[in-house]
Amino acid sequence: KSEPLACPGFRRMQDEDIELVMAIEQAAYPFPWSEGIFRDCMRVGYTCVVCEQHGRVCGYAVLSVSAGEAHILNVCVAPASQGQGLGRRMLEYLLDLASVGRVDTVLLEVRPSNHAARALYDTVGFNEIGLRRAYYPAQGSDREDALVLAKALMPATTGPA
């Protein structure tokens, strides 16, 4: 009998989390972000959060908010914790944060080959709006396109407010 999923906690990423975040990033992605990218995201004030379950960091996310738009830059769940709904919870948490920040639209890029992420984004209402050619590194000297997805958070207003 499997243990029921404990409700994960979210908190702001701290400098002391970077080592664990990097271990998860390197385990989850063939082309991981560098430590410098995470530190730069924290330094410039992006929303960088970690997800804790059973007292351990099991995932993280990075969100940039500017001028009524939010951009989800990274959402990752440790491979050992995948398949438990944590990615969906982190994504919903980011969408909630964006809503509180009076964001109209949330954008993200995803590899066409990342079927699990694409399915998740589809179920929470993201729609494909574009393509960035040769956006991601791939095996050898190849590059992989990125699908650009968007989700409207606030209904468009018509006429003067």
Protein backbone atom coordinates (compact mmCIF):
# COMPACT_ATOMS: atom_id res chain seq x y z
CA LYS A 1 0.00 0.00 0.00
CA SER A 2 1.51 3.32 -1.04
CA GLU A 3 1.77 6.25 1.30
CA PRO A 4 -0.75 9.00 0.59
CA LEU A 5 0.66 12.13 -1.01
CA ALA A 6 1.46 14.68 1.66
CA CYS A 7 0.48 18.24 0.84
CA PRO A 8 3.63 19.92 -0.43
CA GLY A 9 4.81 23.21 1.00
CA PHE A 10 6.08 26.06 -1.09
CA ARG A 11 8.60 28.64 0.01
CA ARG A 12 11.01 31.11 -1.50
CA MET A 13 14.23 29.55 -2.78
CA GLN A 14 17.25 30.39 -0.62
CA ASP A 15 20.97 30.33 -1.39
CA GLU A 16 21.31 27.17 0.70
CA ASP A 17 18.78 25.41 -1.60
CA ILE A 18 20.92 25.80 -4.72
CA GLU A 19 22.92 22.61 -4.19
CA LEU A 20 19.74 20.49 -3.95
CA VAL A 21 18.09 22.38 -6.80
CA MET A 22 21.15 21.72 -8.99
CA ALA A 23 21.10 18.01 -8.12
CA ILE A 24 17.44 17.79 -9.16
CA GLU A 25 18.04 19.88 -12.31
CA GLN A 26 20.93 17.65 -13.39
CA ALA A 27 18.97 14.46 -12.70
CA ALA A 28 15.88 15.67 -14.55
CA TYR A 29 17.27 17.31 -17.69
CA PRO A 30 19.84 16.29 -20.27
CA PHE A 31 20.68 20.01 -20.72
CA PRO A 32 20.35 21.49 -17.23
CA TRP A 33 20.48 25.12 -16.22
CA SER A 34 23.71 26.22 -14.58
CA GLU A 35 24.01 27.29 -10.97
CA GLY A 36 24.67 30.81 -12.28
CA ILE A 37 21.31 30.94 -14.03
CA PHE A 38 19.48 30.09 -10.80
CA ARG A 39 21.53 32.61 -8.83
CA ASP A 40 20.88 35.30 -11.47
CA CYS A 41 17.13 34.61 -11.36
CA MET A 42 17.18 35.05 -7.58
CA ARG A 43 19.38 38.17 -7.81
CA VAL A 44 17.11 39.99 -10.27
CA GLY A 45 14.01 39.26 -8.20
CA TYR A 46 12.24 36.56 -10.16
CA THR A 47 9.87 34.42 -8.12
CA CYS A 48 11.99 31.37 -7.32
CA VAL A 49 10.27 28.77 -5.14
CA VAL A 50 11.02 25.31 -3.88
CA CYS A 51 8.48 22.60 -3.17
CA GLU A 52 9.05 20.57 -0.01
CA GLN A 53 7.48 17.23 0.80
CA HIS A 54 8.27 15.29 3.97
CA GLY A 55 10.82 17.99 4.85
CA ARG A 56 12.81 17.54 1.64
CA VAL A 57 13.09 19.72 -1.46
CA CYS A 58 11.44 17.72 -4.24
CA GLY A 59 10.96 20.40 -6.88
CA TYR A 60 11.28 24.04 -7.77
CA ALA A 61 9.97 26.68 -10.13
CA VAL A 62 11.01 30.05 -11.52
CA LEU A 63 8.53 32.74 -12.60
CA SER A 64 9.22 36.17 -14.08
CA VAL A 65 6.51 38.84 -13.85
CA SER A 66 6.61 42.12 -15.77
CA ALA A 67 4.15 44.54 -17.36
CA GLY A 68 1.05 42.40 -16.91
CA GLU A 69 2.68 39.21 -18.19
CA ALA A 70 4.26 36.29 -16.41
CA HIS A 71 6.75 33.89 -17.92
CA ILE A 72 7.23 30.44 -16.42
CA LEU A 73 10.93 29.82 -16.93
CA ASN A 74 11.37 26.49 -15.16
CA VAL A 75 9.19 23.94 -13.37
CA CYS A 76 10.89 20.74 -12.24
CA VAL A 77 10.05 17.81 -10.00
CA ALA A 78 12.79 15.44 -8.84
CA PRO A 79 12.62 12.24 -10.91
CA ALA A 80 11.94 10.14 -7.78
CA SER A 81 8.92 12.34 -6.95
CA GLN A 82 7.38 12.51 -10.43
CA GLY A 83 3.96 11.05 -11.15
CA GLN A 84 2.43 12.20 -7.86
CA GLY A 85 0.81 15.43 -9.06
CA LEU A 86 3.55 17.72 -7.72
CA GLY A 87 4.18 19.32 -11.11
CA ARG A 88 0.50 20.22 -11.39
CA ARG A 89 0.50 21.64 -7.85
CA MET A 90 3.58 23.75 -8.58
CA LEU A 91 2.08 24.98 -11.84
CA GLU A 92 -1.20 25.89 -10.12
CA TYR A 93 0.77 27.67 -7.38
CA LEU A 94 2.60 29.75 -10.01
CA LEU A 95 -0.70 30.59 -11.73
CA ASP A 96 -2.13 31.69 -8.37
CA LEU A 97 0.90 33.90 -7.76
CA ALA A 98 0.51 35.41 -11.23
CA SER A 99 -3.19 36.10 -10.61
CA VAL A 100 -2.40 37.90 -7.35
CA GLY A 101 0.16 39.95 -9.30
CA ARG A 102 -2.56 41.18 -11.68
CA VAL A 103 -1.09 39.29 -14.61
CA ASP A 104 -3.20 39.03 -17.77
CA THR A 105 -1.25 36.29 -19.55
CA VAL A 106 1.19 33.57 -18.56
CA LEU A 107 3.68 32.35 -21.17
CA LEU A 108 6.09 29.44 -21.31
CA GLU A 109 8.18 27.41 -23.71
CA VAL A 110 8.22 23.63 -23.86
CA ARG A 111 10.04 21.08 -25.97
CA PRO A 112 7.72 19.34 -28.46
CA SER A 113 9.32 16.07 -27.27
CA ASN A 114 8.29 16.69 -23.62
CA HIS A 115 4.93 14.94 -23.88
CA ALA A 116 4.25 14.80 -20.14
CA ALA A 117 4.73 18.55 -19.71
CA ARG A 118 2.68 19.32 -22.82
CA ALA A 119 -0.19 17.17 -21.51
CA LEU A 120 -0.06 18.94 -18.15
CA TYR A 121 -0.06 22.41 -19.73
CA ASP A 122 -2.97 21.41 -21.95
CA THR A 123 -5.07 20.25 -18.99
CA VAL A 124 -4.63 23.58 -17.17
CA GLY A 125 -5.63 25.63 -20.21
CA PHE A 126 -2.43 26.63 -22.00
CA ASN A 127 -2.72 27.08 -25.77
CA GLU A 128 0.01 26.98 -28.40
CA ILE A 129 0.61 30.47 -29.79
CA GLY A 130 3.94 30.17 -31.54
CA LEU A 131 7.18 28.36 -32.25
CA ARG A 132 10.77 29.32 -31.48
CA ARG A 133 12.95 27.51 -33.99
CA ALA A 134 16.14 25.80 -32.73
CA TYR A 135 15.52 27.19 -29.22
CA TYR A 136 16.77 24.29 -27.08
CA PRO A 137 20.07 22.42 -27.21
CA ALA A 138 19.73 18.81 -28.31
CA GLN A 139 22.01 15.80 -28.85
CA GLY A 140 25.10 16.45 -30.93
CA SER A 141 25.01 19.82 -32.63
CA ASP A 142 21.26 19.63 -33.20
CA ARG A 143 18.76 22.05 -31.70
CA GLU A 144 15.10 21.45 -30.78
CA ASP A 145 12.28 23.89 -31.40
CA ALA A 146 10.23 25.30 -28.54
CA LEU A 147 6.48 25.51 -28.56
CA VAL A 148 5.33 28.82 -27.08
CA LEU A 149 2.25 28.39 -24.93
CA ALA A 150 0.01 31.00 -23.31
CA LYS A 151 -2.81 31.06 -20.80
CA ALA A 152 -5.06 34.06 -20.25
CA LEU A 153 -5.73 34.67 -16.55
CA MET A 154 -7.96 37.73 -16.56
CA PRO A 155 -10.89 38.26 -18.86
CA ALA A 156 -10.32 40.97 -21.42
CA THR A 157 -12.21 44.15 -20.65
CA THR A 158 -14.15 46.02 -23.24
CA GLY A 159 -14.64 49.77 -23.26
CA PRO A 160 -13.52 52.25 -20.64
CA ALA A 161 -13.13 51.04 -17.07
